[in-house]
Structure formats: structure tokens, C-alpha cells
Amino acid sequence: MSRRDMALGLIAGGVASLPFPSHAARRFDARDHGARGDGRAIDSVAINAAILAASAAGGGTVVLPRGRYLCFSLRLQSRVTLLLADGAVIEAADPARHAGLYDLPEDGIDQLYQDFGHSHWRNSLIWGEDVEQVAITGPGMIHGVGLARDGPGARWKKQAGERPLSMAQMTDADIARLEPDAAKMQGLGNKAIALKNGRDIRLSGFTILKGGHFAILATGTRRLTIEGLSIDTDRDGIDLDCVRDVRVERCRVNSPNDDAIVVKSSHALGRAIVAENILIRDCDVSGYDMGSMIDGTLRTTQQVAPDQDRVTGRIKLGTESNGGYRNVRIEDCRFTRCRGLALETVDGGVMEQVVARRLTMREVTTAPLFLRLGDRRRGPKGTGIGAIRDVEISEVDARGIDHRFPAALAGLPGHPIRNVVLRDVHLAYAGGGTRLDAERRPAELADAYPEPSMFGVLPSWALWARHVDGLTLDRFTATTQKPDARPPLLFDDVAGLIMRDTPLAN
């Protein structure tokens, strides 16, 4: 082995572990195409040339050795692995400071039913469209220093349920800072990695720091594997939109300002597409101060997210839910200092065959479990009310929960959530609810943006269920740290209730 190969970190074990071993036969050093890696020169032209050369050769591995590569948009091509060696950093350039622009957002995208970020992919640091057999791997880092985290909202005329109710007191100027005009986004990058469609994609081993609006956005992608990533970001971590056959495993995602790992089924591809066959396993999600997961300090200064609710950082299905979800498994995951598991469909999609098991939660900033069937219907004319059915949640241990928000299941009159099992669930609350809290009767809020805080303080402290048909509580236990004047359980329009071994201590 040459000293050059050793410098690239391409030891035999490293080559053998490439997601697509066939790519190892041809190696393309980005420096041979002009990349400097000095943190000053713009290296995206050189790296894109190396990617094109590897693809034209029938496939190969583009290697970024140790160094800091200042880049605008990098364009993925089929049958190419991008290998970030130890000490290699791809740094997102800033158009305000560096000579250049990111690829422009695509024209002709209907942004009626989802926001700007969901509707565009090319305005990213790294993007690929309709690519196959592509990988980004290695121990290096993607640092989104120059990425924007914001963008305009959907152009939906109705606008009901467009924003969480927690934002209701924000001024127009506050909203404008979070949702700038689309014209201001020209030339900016607002995602670290964006994938539109594509097949057989592997993302493994690297770190993303400050990923913009989305650290990873995968829309319409099939056979996608994301494993062993560390993501510490300023908005969403991993967004899986209209995807199929996806595995997310052994990832750490810290995202105090938005969701950590989220499955969606938006209208971004021009039609309702179900998100299905998805496994999220052995992952850690959290809401520490941004950057403090990677540096190990785990700081807790930030208390409130931009939506004026407590820090986020959770695993969620929703909010965009035109196509619905089918066959989703979430297992062996840990939630720390963040909102709990949220399963939501509000835009006409059907959620079914969802299993969540072996979840550990500590310092839960809103509800530990939240199931919401709503009637926002952000979609084309004819969009109806969706459904939630056949959900099983088991082996959950959640502690340090905000007393205001019990586990909540909220359907709609005439449209109940159906067939939910909560088994081996233990919830430990701070306690402190009052008699006035117990007298509250939350409004239906059918078309509101779904969040556990949407109903305010709920009138029970362990579980609140409304409009549910078929609910089984099997070894469901809950405790409070200090007395709570509310009842532990409250059922409103709940049919088919089965309770087995449900001790509750207050």
C-alpha cells in the first residue's frame, strides 16, 4: 500500500466497509481535481468534477482527505460514494462572505401545500435527484456554517393550522424573521443534504453540525439507509418525506429548535404518497443547546423553541400528512430533554400499522405520547379527513414529564382514533395540577396545527383520551412526584376500553 493510500485512510478494512464495495475499485482524490482543503479556496467546482469523473467511469469513490473544504452546492451522481476521511470537513460557504451562490431552487414546484424548504432540493450544500447507488460515508464532518435555517411557509390560501397555536402571540415582524420572502432565498442554501427520489442510498458514519432547515431531507427516496450519524443542528434533523423502505439506525440527533427524526407524507411531489416500510431503531434524540451534543458539554441554557413552546428534539410522524403512513416501527430509542413521541395525521392521510416499543424518555418537555387525528386538510380540493388505526406502543419508561401534558389521544367527533394498545408503559410526572385544571374541557380545535400543547393544560395527569374506538391499557402505570388535584385518567367518547393492571400513584 502506498503512503498516498494510507494518507487517505483507505486501509483494507475501510474499503471493505464501503456501502457499495464495487465503488472501491476506482478512487478519485478530490485534490487531483483541484480541491485545496485549506478552508479558504472554494472547492465545490473541483469536488463536483471528481464526482462527475467517478460517475462517467462507471462508478467509484471520491475521497476527501483531511482538510476543510469550503463549498457551495455539491451534486451527487449515480454509482458514486463520497468518502469523508478522518479530519475532512465540508464547510458550507456563505454567499454574504464568499464569492459564489448555491444552486437555485427549482422552478415549477407547487408550493401550495408545504413550505419552501420541503418544496426544493437543489438549494442545498449536497443534493441528488433520481440518483441510484449513492453513498456518503466516513468519519468526517459536514459543517453548515453558511446555511440558512429559515424560509417562507406554504402558499395555502386557507392558512388554518399553518403554525402552532403557541405562536399566536408573535408579531408579524417575528414571523417575517422566521419566514422570509422567497426572493430572499435565491442563491442561499438551506439544507445540508437533500435527496429527491433516487434508489439505494446509504448515509453512514459522519457528523453534521448546523444543518440549516434540514440536516437531511429525503423525499420520494426508496431503499435508503441512514446509520451511525451524529447530527447537532439548528432546525430539523432527519426528514423522511414520501419515502419507502428506509432504515434509520444508531443515529444521535440533537435539535432543540425542531424535530430530530420525522416521517412526513407531504404534497411536495405533486401528489399524495404514503410513507411506508420505515424502521427507526437504536437512536438518541435530544434538545440540548445546539452544538453541545457534539462537544460533549450537553448545555441546557435554551428553554424555548422558535415556536414558543419548550425545546423540541423528538421523533414524530407528521405534521405534513397528505399521503399517510404505513408499517412504521420505532424501537429501542432514547429521548432526552425533548418532546415525546408524536403520531399525527391532519391532512387526509391514513396512519396504520405503527409500532413503537422499548422507548426511554428523560426530562420530557411536553407530552410523552401524543396521537392526533385532525382536520387541517392542507391539500387539494377533495382532501378528506384521514384516519389513525392499529397503533401499538409498548415498553415505554418516561420520567421527568411536564405536569401539564399527560399522554394524549385526540380524535375528532365521528372520526375516532381506532385500535390503540398501550402496553407496559410507565410515566413519571412532576405533578402539581390544580382543581381548576381538572375542570377544564378543551375545545376540539379540529383544524389547528397539532402539538401536545394545543389544548393547554389537560384535565387529567396520566392519560387523556377523547374520540377513541378501541383502546387497551395493559400494565399502564403512572406516578407523580408531588400531589396533583386532577384525576389520573380521563376518557371522553371512548368506546371499547380494556384496562388490565393499571396502578396509578399520586
Protein backbone atom coordinates (compact mmCIF):
# COMPACT_ATOMS: atom_id res chain seq x y z
CA MET A 1 0.00 0.00 0.00
CA SER A 2 1.34 3.43 -0.93
CA ARG A 3 1.78 6.27 1.51
CA ARG A 4 -0.87 8.08 -0.51
CA ASP A 5 -3.46 5.37 0.18
CA MET A 6 -2.54 5.39 3.85
CA ALA A 7 -2.99 9.15 3.96
CA LEU A 8 -6.46 8.75 2.52
CA GLY A 9 -7.37 6.30 5.23
CA LEU A 10 -8.15 3.60 2.67
CA ILE A 11 -6.91 0.68 4.70
CA ALA A 12 -8.26 -2.71 3.71
CA GLY A 13 -10.91 -2.71 6.42
CA GLY A 14 -12.12 0.74 5.36
CA VAL A 15 -12.53 -0.28 1.73
CA ALA A 16 -14.34 -3.46 2.67
CA SER A 17 -16.77 -1.47 4.79
CA LEU A 18 -17.86 0.87 1.99
CA PRO A 19 -21.64 0.66 1.49
CA PHE A 20 -21.10 -0.29 -2.17
CA PRO A 21 -17.86 -2.33 -2.35
CA SER A 22 -17.86 -2.13 -6.15
CA HIS A 23 -17.14 1.60 -5.83
CA ALA A 24 -13.80 0.83 -4.16
CA ALA A 25 -12.19 -0.30 -7.42
CA ARG A 26 -11.88 3.28 -8.68
CA ARG A 27 -10.73 6.01 -6.30
CA PHE A 28 -10.76 9.70 -7.16
CA ASP A 29 -8.88 12.05 -4.85
CA ALA A 30 -10.63 15.42 -4.86
CA ARG A 31 -7.19 17.09 -4.67
CA ASP A 32 -6.29 15.65 -8.07
CA HIS A 33 -9.17 17.70 -9.49
CA GLY A 34 -8.01 20.91 -7.85
CA ALA A 35 -9.52 20.82 -4.35
CA ARG A 36 -7.34 22.64 -1.80
CA GLY A 37 -8.97 21.76 1.51
CA ASP A 38 -7.48 24.86 3.12
CA GLY A 39 -10.74 26.43 4.31
CA ARG A 40 -10.21 29.48 2.08
CA ALA A 41 -10.47 28.38 -1.55
CA ILE A 42 -13.91 27.40 -2.88
CA ASP A 43 -13.58 23.65 -3.55
CA SER A 44 -17.05 22.79 -4.85
CA VAL A 45 -16.06 23.05 -8.53
CA ALA A 46 -13.19 20.60 -8.00
CA ILE A 47 -15.24 18.15 -5.94
CA ASN A 48 -18.07 18.22 -8.48
CA ALA A 49 -15.51 17.45 -11.20
CA ALA A 50 -14.30 14.44 -9.22
CA ILE A 51 -17.90 13.24 -8.73
CA LEU A 52 -18.59 13.53 -12.47
CA ALA A 53 -15.37 11.67 -13.29
CA ALA A 54 -16.28 8.81 -10.97
CA SER A 55 -19.78 8.52 -12.42
CA ALA A 56 -18.50 8.67 -16.02
CA ALA A 57 -16.07 5.86 -15.24
CA GLY A 58 -18.98 3.61 -14.33
CA GLY A 59 -18.77 4.29 -10.61
CA GLY A 60 -16.18 4.97 -7.97
CA THR A 61 -15.24 6.54 -4.68
CA VAL A 62 -14.46 10.24 -4.39
CA VAL A 63 -12.17 10.77 -1.42
CA LEU A 64 -11.84 13.95 0.58
CA PRO A 65 -8.65 13.61 2.67
CA ARG A 66 -8.11 15.54 5.89
CA GLY A 67 -8.77 19.24 5.35
CA ARG A 68 -11.51 21.86 5.36
CA TYR A 69 -13.33 22.11 2.01
CA LEU A 70 -15.29 25.34 1.59
CA CYS A 71 -18.16 24.59 -0.79
CA PHE A 72 -21.30 25.76 -2.46
CA SER A 73 -23.61 23.09 -3.95
CA LEU A 74 -22.21 19.60 -4.48
CA ARG A 75 -24.21 17.50 -6.97
CA LEU A 76 -24.43 13.77 -6.32
CA GLN A 77 -24.29 11.39 -9.28
CA SER A 78 -25.30 7.74 -9.57
CA ARG A 79 -22.87 4.99 -8.57
CA VAL A 80 -20.60 7.31 -6.60
CA THR A 81 -19.51 7.11 -2.97
CA LEU A 82 -18.32 10.32 -1.31
CA LEU A 83 -15.84 9.32 1.40
CA LEU A 84 -15.09 11.89 4.11
CA ALA A 85 -11.80 10.82 5.66
CA ASP A 86 -10.98 11.37 9.30
CA GLY A 87 -10.44 15.11 9.73
CA ALA A 88 -12.19 16.01 6.47
CA VAL A 89 -14.80 18.79 6.81
CA ILE A 90 -17.14 20.04 4.10
CA GLU A 91 -17.95 23.59 5.16
CA ALA A 92 -20.99 25.35 3.72
CA ALA A 93 -19.87 28.64 2.18
CA ASP A 94 -21.73 31.82 2.99
CA PRO A 95 -22.84 33.89 -0.04
CA ALA A 96 -22.56 37.00 2.11
CA ARG A 97 -18.85 36.37 2.67
CA HIS A 98 -17.67 34.15 -0.16
CA ALA A 99 -17.68 34.52 -3.93
CA GLY A 100 -20.44 32.28 -5.21
CA LEU A 101 -24.02 31.09 -4.80
CA TYR A 102 -25.82 27.83 -4.11
CA ASP A 103 -27.78 26.18 -6.90
CA LEU A 104 -31.09 27.95 -7.35
CA PRO A 105 -34.32 26.36 -6.09
CA GLU A 106 -36.18 24.52 -8.82
CA ASP A 107 -38.82 26.31 -10.90
CA GLY A 108 -42.32 24.97 -11.36
CA ILE A 109 -42.71 23.45 -7.90
CA ASP A 110 -46.21 23.79 -6.48
CA GLN A 111 -45.63 25.17 -3.01
CA LEU A 112 -49.29 25.41 -2.07
CA TYR A 113 -49.37 22.61 0.48
CA GLN A 114 -45.90 22.57 2.03
CA ASP A 115 -43.33 25.19 2.87
CA PHE A 116 -40.37 26.37 0.81
CA GLY A 117 -37.92 24.02 2.48
CA HIS A 118 -39.96 20.91 1.64
CA SER A 119 -40.54 22.10 -1.92
CA HIS A 120 -36.94 22.45 -3.14
CA TRP A 121 -33.82 20.29 -3.08
CA ARG A 122 -31.16 21.88 -5.28
CA ASN A 123 -30.63 24.87 -3.00
CA SER A 124 -28.57 22.67 -0.68
CA LEU A 125 -24.97 22.02 0.23
CA ILE A 126 -25.19 18.45 -1.12
CA TRP A 127 -28.08 17.30 -3.31
CA GLY A 128 -29.07 14.45 -5.60
CA GLU A 129 -32.07 13.90 -7.83
CA ASP A 130 -33.05 10.49 -9.29
CA VAL A 131 -29.65 9.06 -8.34
CA GLU A 132 -29.00 5.38 -7.67
CA GLN A 133 -26.33 3.56 -5.69
CA VAL A 134 -25.01 6.64 -3.94
CA ALA A 135 -23.28 6.84 -0.58
CA ILE A 136 -21.83 9.47 1.71
CA THR A 137 -19.69 7.83 4.37
CA GLY A 138 -16.64 8.12 6.55
CA PRO A 139 -15.76 9.70 9.89
CA GLY A 140 -15.59 13.29 8.60
CA MET A 141 -17.96 16.20 9.10
CA ILE A 142 -20.42 18.39 7.21
CA HIS A 143 -20.49 21.83 8.82
CA GLY A 144 -23.30 24.06 7.63
CA VAL A 145 -21.74 27.35 8.66
CA GLY A 146 -23.19 29.29 5.72
CA LEU A 147 -26.60 27.61 5.51
CA ALA A 148 -29.89 29.40 6.22
CA ARG A 149 -32.34 27.77 8.62
CA ASP A 150 -35.49 29.66 7.59
CA GLY A 151 -37.75 30.06 4.58
CA PRO A 152 -41.29 31.06 3.55
CA GLY A 153 -44.28 28.98 4.53
CA ALA A 154 -46.84 27.31 2.31
CA ARG A 155 -48.92 29.46 -0.04
CA TRP A 156 -52.09 27.66 1.01
CA LYS A 157 -54.98 30.10 0.92
CA LYS A 158 -56.88 28.73 3.87
CA GLN A 159 -53.89 29.07 6.24
CA ALA A 160 -55.74 27.36 9.11
CA GLY A 161 -53.35 25.20 11.09
CA GLU A 162 -50.33 26.69 9.33
CA ARG A 163 -48.49 27.43 12.57
CA PRO A 164 -48.63 26.08 16.14
CA LEU A 165 -51.03 27.89 18.46
CA SER A 166 -48.04 28.65 20.68
CA MET A 167 -47.00 31.20 18.04
CA ALA A 168 -50.28 33.12 18.24
CA GLN A 169 -48.80 35.99 20.27
CA MET A 170 -45.87 36.55 17.91
CA THR A 171 -45.87 39.77 15.90
CA ASP A 172 -45.81 39.96 12.11
CA ALA A 173 -42.18 41.06 12.37
CA ASP A 174 -41.35 37.98 14.45
CA ILE A 175 -42.99 35.73 11.85
CA ALA A 176 -41.23 37.52 9.00
CA ARG A 177 -37.85 36.82 10.59
CA LEU A 178 -38.66 33.09 10.65
CA GLU A 179 -40.36 33.06 7.24
CA PRO A 180 -38.51 35.42 4.86
CA ASP A 181 -39.83 36.10 1.37
CA ALA A 182 -38.92 33.56 -1.33
CA ALA A 183 -36.96 36.20 -3.26
CA LYS A 184 -34.53 36.42 -0.36
CA MET A 185 -33.76 32.71 -0.69
CA GLN A 186 -32.23 33.00 -4.17
CA GLY A 187 -28.62 31.84 -4.02
CA LEU A 188 -28.85 30.67 -0.42
CA GLY A 189 -28.51 27.08 0.73
CA ASN A 190 -30.94 25.88 3.39
CA LYS A 191 -30.24 22.13 3.67
CA ALA A 192 -27.09 20.13 4.33
CA ILE A 193 -28.20 17.07 2.31
CA ALA A 194 -31.28 16.86 0.07
CA LEU A 195 -32.41 13.81 -1.89
CA LYS A 196 -35.29 13.85 -4.35
CA ASN A 197 -36.43 10.40 -5.45
CA GLY A 198 -33.47 8.09 -6.00
CA ARG A 199 -32.85 4.47 -5.04
CA ASP A 200 -30.28 2.60 -2.97
CA ILE A 201 -28.80 5.45 -0.94
CA ARG A 202 -26.50 5.00 2.07
CA LEU A 203 -25.52 7.69 4.56
CA SER A 204 -23.23 6.47 7.32
CA GLY A 205 -20.61 7.39 9.87
CA PHE A 206 -20.23 11.16 9.52
CA THR A 207 -21.26 14.16 11.60
CA ILE A 208 -23.48 17.10 10.63
CA LEU A 209 -23.17 20.31 12.62
CA LYS A 210 -25.66 23.12 11.95
CA GLY A 211 -27.55 21.61 9.02
CA GLY A 212 -29.88 24.51 8.10
CA HIS A 213 -33.62 23.96 7.68
CA PHE A 214 -32.99 20.23 7.27
CA ALA A 215 -29.77 18.42 8.05
CA ILE A 216 -31.16 15.64 5.81
CA LEU A 217 -34.27 15.84 3.62
CA ALA A 218 -35.17 12.71 1.68
CA THR A 219 -38.29 12.99 -0.49
CA GLY A 220 -39.66 10.09 -2.54
CA THR A 221 -36.48 8.10 -1.88
CA ARG A 222 -36.54 4.30 -1.78
CA ARG A 223 -34.17 1.84 -0.19
CA LEU A 224 -32.46 4.45 1.97
CA THR A 225 -30.22 3.55 4.89
CA ILE A 226 -29.03 6.15 7.41
CA GLU A 227 -26.79 4.74 10.13
CA GLY A 228 -24.26 5.85 12.67
CA LEU A 229 -24.67 9.60 12.10
CA SER A 230 -24.20 12.33 14.70
CA ILE A 231 -26.36 15.38 13.92
CA ASP A 232 -26.35 18.53 16.04
CA THR A 233 -28.40 21.10 14.22
CA ASP A 234 -30.34 24.35 14.28
CA ARG A 235 -33.65 23.02 12.94
CA ASP A 236 -34.86 19.58 11.69
CA GLY A 237 -32.50 16.64 11.83
CA ILE A 238 -33.67 13.80 9.56
CA ASP A 239 -36.84 14.34 7.48
CA LEU A 240 -38.23 11.32 5.60
CA ASP A 241 -40.96 12.52 3.23
CA CYS A 242 -42.97 10.16 0.98
CA VAL A 243 -40.23 7.54 1.36
CA ARG A 244 -40.35 3.77 1.16
CA ASP A 245 -38.12 1.01 2.54
CA VAL A 246 -36.00 3.12 4.88
CA ARG A 247 -33.84 2.22 7.88
CA VAL A 248 -32.50 4.80 10.35
CA GLU A 249 -30.29 3.17 12.93
CA ARG A 250 -27.73 4.13 15.60
CA CYS A 251 -28.03 7.86 14.98
CA ARG A 252 -27.70 10.67 17.53
CA VAL A 253 -29.76 13.73 16.66
CA ASN A 254 -29.81 16.90 18.77
CA SER A 255 -32.29 19.52 17.55
CA PRO A 256 -33.65 21.89 20.21
CA ASN A 257 -35.48 24.07 17.67
CA ASP A 258 -37.40 21.43 15.72
CA ASP A 259 -37.92 17.70 15.26
CA ALA A 260 -35.00 15.28 15.41
CA ILE A 261 -36.28 12.37 13.29
CA VAL A 262 -39.57 12.92 11.48
CA VAL A 263 -41.60 10.99 8.91
CA LYS A 264 -43.83 13.03 6.60
CA SER A 265 -46.03 12.46 3.58
CA SER A 266 -46.40 15.90 2.04
CA HIS A 267 -47.63 17.01 -1.39
CA ALA A 268 -44.10 18.08 -2.42
CA LEU A 269 -44.01 15.66 -5.38
CA GLY A 270 -47.38 16.86 -6.66
CA ARG A 271 -49.47 14.01 -5.32
CA ALA A 272 -50.29 12.23 -2.08
CA ILE A 273 -47.76 9.42 -1.49
CA VAL A 274 -47.78 7.11 1.52
CA ALA A 275 -44.59 6.85 3.59
CA GLU A 276 -44.17 3.16 4.31
CA ASN A 277 -41.89 0.38 5.47
CA ILE A 278 -39.78 2.52 7.77
CA LEU A 279 -37.63 1.36 10.69
CA ILE A 280 -36.15 3.79 13.23
CA ARG A 281 -34.03 1.84 15.67
CA ASP A 282 -31.47 2.40 18.43
CA CYS A 283 -31.37 6.19 18.05
CA ASP A 284 -30.88 9.01 20.55
CA VAL A 285 -32.81 12.27 20.19
CA SER A 286 -32.42 15.33 22.37
CA GLY A 287 -32.94 19.06 22.81
CA TYR A 288 -29.69 20.29 24.35
CA ASP A 289 -28.27 23.64 23.26
CA MET A 290 -27.18 23.35 19.64
CA GLY A 291 -23.60 22.20 19.30
CA SER A 292 -23.35 20.91 22.85
CA MET A 293 -24.04 17.29 21.95
CA ILE A 294 -21.04 17.17 19.64
CA ASP A 295 -18.69 19.00 22.01
CA GLY A 296 -19.93 16.88 24.93
CA THR A 297 -20.97 19.73 27.21
CA LEU A 298 -24.73 18.99 26.93
CA ARG A 299 -25.71 22.53 27.83
CA THR A 300 -29.28 23.37 28.85
CA THR A 301 -29.47 27.15 28.53
CA GLN A 302 -32.17 27.20 25.86
CA GLN A 303 -35.65 26.59 27.24
CA VAL A 304 -37.96 27.63 24.38
CA ALA A 305 -38.01 26.72 20.67
CA PRO A 306 -38.83 29.25 17.92
CA ASP A 307 -42.48 28.11 18.03
CA GLN A 308 -42.55 29.50 21.62
CA ASP A 309 -43.08 26.02 23.04
CA ARG A 310 -40.44 24.14 25.01
CA VAL A 311 -37.43 22.63 23.22
CA THR A 312 -38.29 20.01 20.59
CA GLY A 313 -35.80 17.28 19.56
CA ARG A 314 -38.29 14.38 19.30
CA ILE A 315 -39.35 11.58 16.95
CA LYS A 316 -42.57 12.40 15.08
CA LEU A 317 -44.90 11.24 12.31
CA GLY A 318 -46.34 14.47 10.85
CA THR A 319 -47.18 17.23 10.51
CA GLU A 320 -47.35 17.10 6.69
CA SER A 321 -49.60 14.08 6.19
CA ASN A 322 -51.35 14.06 2.80
CA GLY A 323 -50.31 10.53 1.88
CA GLY A 324 -50.33 8.94 5.31
CA TYR A 325 -48.05 6.33 6.86
CA ARG A 326 -48.00 2.55 6.81
CA ASN A 327 -45.84 -0.05 8.51
CA VAL A 328 -43.61 2.16 10.64
CA ARG A 329 -41.53 0.76 13.51
CA ILE A 330 -39.78 2.85 16.15
CA GLU A 331 -37.83 0.79 18.66
CA ASP A 332 -35.01 0.93 21.22
CA CYS A 333 -34.78 4.74 21.09
CA ARG A 334 -33.92 7.23 23.80
CA PHE A 335 -35.43 10.72 24.21
CA THR A 336 -33.61 13.22 26.46
CA ARG A 337 -34.65 16.78 27.28
CA CYS A 338 -37.14 16.92 24.42
CA ARG A 339 -40.77 16.47 23.49
CA GLY A 340 -42.06 12.91 23.41
CA LEU A 341 -43.28 10.64 20.62
CA ALA A 342 -45.86 12.35 18.38
CA LEU A 343 -48.04 10.48 15.86
CA GLU A 344 -50.12 12.93 13.83
CA THR A 345 -52.19 12.95 10.68
CA VAL A 346 -54.13 16.11 9.85
CA ASP A 347 -54.05 16.42 6.03
CA GLY A 348 -56.19 13.49 4.91
CA GLY A 349 -53.66 10.65 5.13
CA VAL A 350 -54.23 7.32 6.87
CA MET A 351 -51.84 6.23 9.61
CA GLU A 352 -51.85 2.48 10.19
CA GLN A 353 -49.67 -0.37 11.40
CA VAL A 354 -47.40 1.75 13.60
CA VAL A 355 -45.39 0.04 16.34
CA ALA A 356 -43.29 1.89 18.91
CA ARG A 357 -41.53 -0.14 21.59
CA ARG A 358 -38.71 -0.03 24.09
CA LEU A 359 -38.54 3.76 24.38
CA THR A 360 -36.79 5.59 27.21
CA MET A 361 -37.56 9.25 27.92
CA ARG A 362 -35.98 11.63 30.41
CA GLU A 363 -36.97 15.28 31.02
CA VAL A 364 -39.92 15.25 28.65
CA THR A 365 -40.73 18.83 27.70
CA THR A 366 -44.35 18.22 26.58
CA ALA A 367 -46.42 15.02 26.36
CA PRO A 368 -44.58 11.68 26.35
CA LEU A 369 -47.09 10.19 23.90
CA PHE A 370 -49.32 12.23 21.58
CA LEU A 371 -51.71 10.81 18.97
CA ARG A 372 -53.69 13.35 16.98
CA LEU A 373 -56.19 12.93 14.16
CA GLY A 374 -57.02 16.43 12.92
CA ASP A 375 -58.92 18.19 10.18
CA ARG A 376 -56.46 20.76 8.81
CA ARG A 377 -56.77 19.31 5.27
CA ARG A 378 -53.90 21.28 3.80
CA GLY A 379 -54.20 19.75 0.35
CA PRO A 380 -56.04 19.90 -2.99
CA LYS A 381 -59.78 20.18 -3.27
CA GLY A 382 -61.36 16.90 -2.22
CA THR A 383 -58.87 16.19 0.56
CA GLY A 384 -60.80 14.49 3.33
CA ILE A 385 -60.28 13.61 6.97
CA GLY A 386 -57.71 10.87 7.42
CA ALA A 387 -57.55 8.09 10.00
CA ILE A 388 -55.36 6.59 12.71
CA ARG A 389 -55.72 2.88 13.36
CA ASP A 390 -53.78 -0.13 14.58
CA VAL A 391 -51.13 1.54 16.72
CA GLU A 392 -49.23 -0.37 19.40
CA ILE A 393 -46.93 1.38 21.88
CA SER A 394 -45.16 -0.79 24.44
CA GLU A 395 -42.28 -0.87 26.93
CA VAL A 396 -42.06 2.87 27.48
CA ASP A 397 -40.31 4.36 30.52
CA ALA A 398 -40.75 8.15 30.63
CA ARG A 399 -39.70 10.30 33.58
CA GLY A 400 -39.47 13.97 34.45
CA ILE A 401 -42.57 14.88 32.43
CA ASP A 402 -44.08 18.39 32.41
CA HIS A 403 -47.17 18.04 34.59
CA ARG A 404 -49.37 19.94 32.12
CA PHE A 405 -49.26 17.28 29.44
CA PRO A 406 -50.36 13.69 30.09
CA ALA A 407 -50.19 11.11 27.35
CA ALA A 408 -52.94 12.21 24.97
CA LEU A 409 -55.05 10.54 22.27
CA ALA A 410 -57.24 13.06 20.47
CA GLY A 411 -59.50 12.08 17.60
CA LEU A 412 -62.48 14.01 16.20
CA PRO A 413 -66.23 13.69 16.68
CA GLY A 414 -67.36 11.00 14.26
CA HIS A 415 -63.76 10.21 13.35
CA PRO A 416 -62.25 8.35 16.31
CA ILE A 417 -58.73 7.02 16.56
CA ARG A 418 -59.13 3.25 16.32
CA ASN A 419 -57.43 0.27 17.89
CA VAL A 420 -54.62 1.58 20.07
CA VAL A 421 -52.71 -0.58 22.53
CA LEU A 422 -50.58 0.91 25.32
CA ARG A 423 -48.70 -1.95 26.98
CA ASP A 424 -46.01 -1.90 29.66
CA VAL A 425 -45.96 1.89 29.79
CA HIS A 426 -44.65 3.72 32.86
CA LEU A 427 -44.92 7.51 33.13
CA ALA A 428 -43.49 9.62 35.96
CA TYR A 429 -44.74 13.20 36.21
CA ALA A 430 -43.64 16.23 38.18
CA GLY A 431 -47.21 16.72 39.49
CA GLY A 432 -48.78 19.95 40.68
CA GLY A 433 -52.02 20.17 38.69
CA THR A 434 -54.88 22.07 40.35
CA ARG A 435 -58.62 21.62 40.81
CA LEU A 436 -59.19 24.35 38.24
CA ASP A 437 -57.07 22.33 35.80
CA ALA A 438 -59.29 19.32 36.47
CA GLU A 439 -62.37 21.32 35.46
CA ARG A 440 -61.02 22.27 32.05
CA ARG A 441 -62.78 20.93 28.95
CA PRO A 442 -60.51 21.54 25.96
CA ALA A 443 -62.02 22.75 22.68
CA GLU A 444 -61.89 20.42 19.69
CA LEU A 445 -59.55 22.66 17.65
CA ALA A 446 -60.09 20.41 14.65
CA ASP A 447 -58.09 22.45 12.13
CA ALA A 448 -55.31 23.64 14.45
CA TYR A 449 -51.67 22.75 14.00
CA PRO A 450 -51.10 19.57 16.04
CA GLU A 451 -48.93 19.90 19.14
CA PRO A 452 -49.39 18.45 22.65
CA SER A 453 -49.65 22.00 23.99
CA MET A 454 -52.51 22.89 21.62
CA PHE A 455 -55.20 22.10 24.22
CA GLY A 456 -53.46 23.87 27.10
CA VAL A 457 -53.26 22.21 30.50
CA LEU A 458 -55.22 18.98 30.26
CA PRO A 459 -57.78 17.89 32.88
CA SER A 460 -56.04 14.63 33.84
CA TRP A 461 -52.43 13.96 34.77
CA ALA A 462 -51.56 10.48 33.38
CA LEU A 463 -53.71 9.90 30.28
CA TRP A 464 -56.33 11.90 28.41
CA ALA A 465 -58.25 10.20 25.60
CA ARG A 466 -61.06 11.70 23.51
CA HIS A 467 -62.85 10.23 20.48
CA VAL A 468 -61.19 6.81 20.53
CA ASP A 469 -62.73 3.49 19.47
CA GLY A 470 -60.75 0.54 20.79
CA LEU A 471 -58.21 1.38 23.49
CA THR A 472 -56.31 -1.21 25.51
CA LEU A 473 -54.28 -0.27 28.57
CA ASP A 474 -52.22 -3.26 29.65
CA ARG A 475 -49.83 -2.69 32.57
CA PHE A 476 -50.10 1.09 32.18
CA THR A 477 -48.65 2.74 35.30
CA ALA A 478 -48.01 6.34 36.29
CA THR A 479 -46.77 8.32 39.28
CA THR A 480 -46.42 11.95 40.32
CA GLN A 481 -43.53 13.49 42.27
CA LYS A 482 -45.88 15.83 44.15
CA PRO A 483 -49.67 15.75 44.56
CA ASP A 484 -51.86 16.52 41.56
CA ALA A 485 -55.51 17.51 42.00
CA ARG A 486 -56.58 16.15 38.62
CA PRO A 487 -57.80 12.57 38.07
CA PRO A 488 -55.12 10.29 36.61
CA LEU A 489 -57.29 9.16 33.69
CA LEU A 490 -59.99 10.89 31.71
CA PHE A 491 -61.94 9.24 28.89
CA ASP A 492 -64.31 11.27 26.71
CA ASP A 493 -66.21 9.48 23.93
CA VAL A 494 -64.06 6.36 24.27
CA ALA A 495 -65.54 3.02 23.23
CA GLY A 496 -64.10 -0.46 23.55
CA LEU A 497 -61.92 0.37 26.56
CA ILE A 498 -59.95 -2.53 28.08
CA MET A 499 -57.85 -1.97 31.19
CA ARG A 500 -55.56 -4.57 32.76
CA ASP A 501 -53.24 -3.94 35.71
CA THR A 502 -53.13 -0.13 35.70
CA PRO A 503 -51.91 1.04 39.14
CA LEU A 504 -51.65 4.81 39.43
CA ALA A 505 -49.98 6.61 42.34
CA ASN A 506 -50.45 10.26 43.28
